Amino acid sequence: MSKTVLIVDDSASMRQLVSFALKDAGYEVIDAVNGRDALSKLNGTKIEMVLTDLNMPEMDGIEFIKQFRNSSGYRFTPVVMLTTESQESKKQEGKQAGASGWIVKPFTPEQLIDVVKKFAR
């Protein structure tokens, strides 16, 4: 049975790029346009990992992670921030919210898959 990854990003092209790379590597993908959309799509669905952008309208990545971590069943699901932000203060804010890791855009599909393999177990 394939593993499912939730992609949360307001950029359609970024969701598509990440989705193609993951599907090529054998993963199932659920995508969402922001944190609020992502939370509405969970409904107890088993997911192995989340890739989320930081800067999004309606609900940003930090607030999404906080609410996601408070959802039953997702407390220990790995969440990796996928963003252009590389400041240490933003990374600390993400870590305090519950982020498991951080990938700075741009990245290669190979880098992405390597990170997903480490976290989506």
Protein backbone atom coordinates (compact mmCIF):
# COMPACT_ATOMS: atom_id res chain seq x y z
CA MET A 1 0.00 0.00 0.00
CA SER A 2 1.44 3.38 -0.98
CA LYS A 3 2.08 6.14 1.52
CA THR A 4 0.15 9.40 1.41
CA VAL A 5 1.72 12.87 1.58
CA LEU A 6 -0.27 16.07 2.12
CA ILE A 7 1.06 19.06 0.14
CA VAL A 8 -0.01 22.52 1.37
CA ASP A 9 1.03 25.42 -0.88
CA ASP A 10 -0.80 28.39 -2.38
CA SER A 11 1.25 28.12 -5.60
CA ALA A 12 -0.45 25.79 -8.09
CA SER A 13 2.83 25.29 -9.98
CA MET A 14 4.67 24.31 -6.78
CA ARG A 15 1.90 21.85 -5.78
CA GLN A 16 2.08 20.36 -9.28
CA LEU A 17 5.89 20.07 -9.23
CA VAL A 18 5.91 18.40 -5.80
CA SER A 19 2.96 16.18 -6.70
CA PHE A 20 4.61 14.91 -9.91
CA ALA A 21 7.86 14.12 -8.09
CA LEU A 22 6.04 12.26 -5.30
CA LYS A 23 3.72 10.34 -7.62
CA ASP A 24 6.71 9.29 -9.76
CA ALA A 25 8.29 7.93 -6.56
CA GLY A 26 5.14 5.92 -5.75
CA TYR A 27 3.42 8.17 -3.20
CA GLU A 28 -0.25 9.12 -3.04
CA VAL A 29 -0.82 12.88 -2.82
CA ILE A 30 -3.48 15.11 -1.29
CA ASP A 31 -3.03 18.79 -2.07
CA ALA A 32 -4.38 21.93 -0.45
CA VAL A 33 -4.11 25.65 -1.25
CA ASN A 34 -3.58 26.82 2.35
CA GLY A 35 -3.72 25.63 5.95
CA ARG A 36 -7.48 25.99 6.27
CA ASP A 37 -8.05 23.97 3.09
CA ALA A 38 -5.60 21.30 4.32
CA LEU A 39 -7.34 20.89 7.68
CA SER A 40 -10.71 20.57 5.92
CA LYS A 41 -9.35 17.76 3.71
CA LEU A 42 -7.92 15.61 6.51
CA ASN A 43 -11.09 14.09 7.99
CA GLY A 44 -9.07 11.42 9.79
CA THR A 45 -7.34 10.32 6.56
CA LYS A 46 -4.14 8.42 7.27
CA ILE A 47 -1.17 10.40 6.00
CA GLU A 48 2.49 9.64 6.51
CA MET A 49 3.81 13.18 6.09
CA VAL A 50 3.00 16.84 5.34
CA LEU A 51 4.93 19.27 3.12
CA THR A 52 3.76 22.83 3.77
CA ASP A 53 4.67 26.28 2.58
CA LEU A 54 5.13 29.02 5.18
CA ASN A 55 3.60 32.10 3.52
CA MET A 56 0.02 31.46 2.40
CA PRO A 57 -3.26 33.42 2.52
CA GLU A 58 -6.04 32.64 5.03
CA MET A 59 -3.87 30.35 7.19
CA ASP A 60 -0.08 30.31 6.97
CA GLY A 61 2.16 27.31 7.53
CA ILE A 62 2.93 28.08 11.19
CA GLU A 63 -0.74 28.35 12.19
CA PHE A 64 -1.54 25.26 10.11
CA ILE A 65 1.13 23.22 11.93
CA LYS A 66 -0.17 24.35 15.34
CA GLN A 67 -3.73 23.31 14.49
CA PHE A 68 -2.59 20.13 12.73
CA ARG A 69 -0.59 19.09 15.81
CA ASN A 70 -3.71 19.56 17.96
CA SER A 71 -5.76 17.26 15.71
CA SER A 72 -6.13 13.78 17.11
CA GLY A 73 -4.11 11.25 15.22
CA TYR A 74 -1.65 13.73 13.68
CA ARG A 75 0.41 14.72 16.71
CA PHE A 76 3.43 12.68 15.56
CA THR A 77 3.01 12.94 11.77
CA PRO A 78 6.15 14.54 10.28
CA VAL A 79 5.68 18.05 8.89
CA VAL A 80 8.36 19.59 6.68
CA MET A 81 8.28 23.27 5.77
CA LEU A 82 8.87 23.83 2.06
CA THR A 83 9.57 27.55 1.67
CA THR A 84 11.77 30.33 0.34
CA GLU A 85 12.32 31.53 3.93
CA SER A 86 15.73 30.58 5.29
CA GLN A 87 16.11 32.91 8.30
CA GLU A 88 16.99 31.14 11.53
CA SER A 89 14.19 32.99 13.37
CA LYS A 90 11.58 31.57 10.96
CA LYS A 91 13.06 28.08 11.33
CA GLN A 92 12.84 28.39 15.12
CA GLU A 93 9.23 29.59 14.88
CA GLY A 94 8.45 26.57 12.67
CA LYS A 95 10.19 24.19 15.05
CA GLN A 96 8.31 25.61 18.05
CA ALA A 97 5.03 25.13 16.15
CA GLY A 98 5.94 21.48 15.53
CA ALA A 99 7.79 21.36 12.19
CA SER A 100 10.02 18.30 11.81
CA GLY A 101 12.24 19.73 9.08
CA TRP A 102 12.82 22.52 6.57
CA ILE A 103 13.52 22.54 2.81
CA VAL A 104 14.44 25.85 1.18
CA LYS A 105 13.13 26.53 -2.32
CA PRO A 106 14.42 26.02 -4.95
CA PHE A 107 15.16 22.32 -4.58
CA THR A 108 15.55 19.38 -6.92
CA PRO A 109 13.01 16.54 -7.12
CA GLU A 110 15.79 14.22 -5.89
CA GLN A 111 16.35 16.35 -2.78
CA LEU A 112 12.62 16.35 -2.11
CA ILE A 113 12.30 12.58 -2.44
CA ASP A 114 15.32 12.03 -0.18
CA VAL A 115 13.65 14.09 2.56
CA VAL A 116 10.28 12.39 2.10
CA LYS A 117 11.90 8.94 2.34
CA LYS A 118 13.50 9.94 5.65
CA PHE A 119 10.24 11.17 7.19
CA ALA A 120 7.36 9.22 5.58
CA ARG A 121 7.73 5.84 7.26
